[in-house]
């Protein structure tokens, strides 16, 4: 199985945070935590969640 990757900057944030994970679910969970801690977003609105899903790529 290929690893997946995500970069916070792909959402338009001036942020260098990135991660690799084995599943889309793991990426979404970690992005939610990062958004809460680093960007003061208590939740990911549906539109932003859709952008996260679209920005997940194969590593």
Protein backbone atom coordinates (compact mmCIF):
# COMPACT_ATOMS: atom_id res chain seq x y z
CA UNK A 1 0.00 0.00 0.00
CA UNK A 2 1.29 3.47 -0.89
CA UNK A 3 1.58 6.09 1.76
CA UNK A 4 -0.49 9.23 1.48
CA UNK A 5 0.68 12.78 2.10
CA UNK A 6 -0.83 16.13 2.93
CA UNK A 7 0.62 19.65 3.12
CA UNK A 8 -1.17 22.37 5.05
CA UNK A 9 -0.03 24.97 2.51
CA UNK A 10 -2.24 23.22 -0.08
CA UNK A 11 -5.21 24.82 1.73
CA UNK A 12 -3.79 28.31 1.33
CA UNK A 13 -2.30 28.64 4.79
CA UNK A 14 1.20 30.09 5.14
CA UNK A 15 2.21 26.93 6.97
CA UNK A 16 4.94 24.38 6.30
CA UNK A 17 3.29 21.57 8.30
CA UNK A 18 3.02 18.32 6.35
CA UNK A 19 2.45 14.67 7.11
CA UNK A 20 2.44 11.18 5.67
CA UNK A 21 0.08 8.43 6.75
CA UNK A 22 -1.26 5.08 5.60
CA UNK A 23 -4.96 6.01 5.48
CA UNK A 24 -7.09 9.01 4.51
CA UNK A 25 -8.86 8.75 7.86
CA UNK A 26 -5.57 9.11 9.76
CA UNK A 27 -4.68 12.19 7.71
CA UNK A 28 -8.07 13.81 8.34
CA UNK A 29 -7.81 13.15 12.09
CA UNK A 30 -4.31 14.61 12.27
CA UNK A 31 -5.29 17.60 10.13
CA UNK A 32 -8.21 18.30 12.49
CA UNK A 33 -5.82 18.27 15.45
CA UNK A 34 -3.32 20.50 13.62
CA UNK A 35 -6.04 22.96 12.56
CA UNK A 36 -7.25 23.18 16.16
CA UNK A 37 -3.80 23.74 17.66
CA UNK A 38 -1.99 25.76 14.99
CA UNK A 39 -4.80 27.69 13.28
CA UNK A 40 -7.35 28.09 16.10
CA UNK A 41 -10.04 26.22 14.15
CA UNK A 42 -12.12 24.22 16.66
CA UNK A 43 -13.75 22.33 13.76
CA UNK A 44 -13.12 21.83 10.07
CA UNK A 45 -16.08 23.32 8.18
CA UNK A 46 -17.46 21.08 5.43
CA UNK A 47 -15.93 23.16 2.64
CA UNK A 48 -12.48 23.03 4.23
CA UNK A 49 -12.83 19.31 4.91
CA UNK A 50 -13.58 18.83 1.21
CA UNK A 51 -10.39 20.73 0.35
CA UNK A 52 -8.43 18.51 2.75
CA UNK A 53 -9.82 15.39 1.05
CA UNK A 54 -8.92 16.80 -2.38
CA UNK A 55 -5.40 17.74 -1.28
CA UNK A 56 -4.46 14.25 -0.05
CA UNK A 57 -2.00 12.79 -2.52
CA UNK A 58 -0.02 9.59 -2.94
CA UNK A 59 3.47 9.92 -1.51
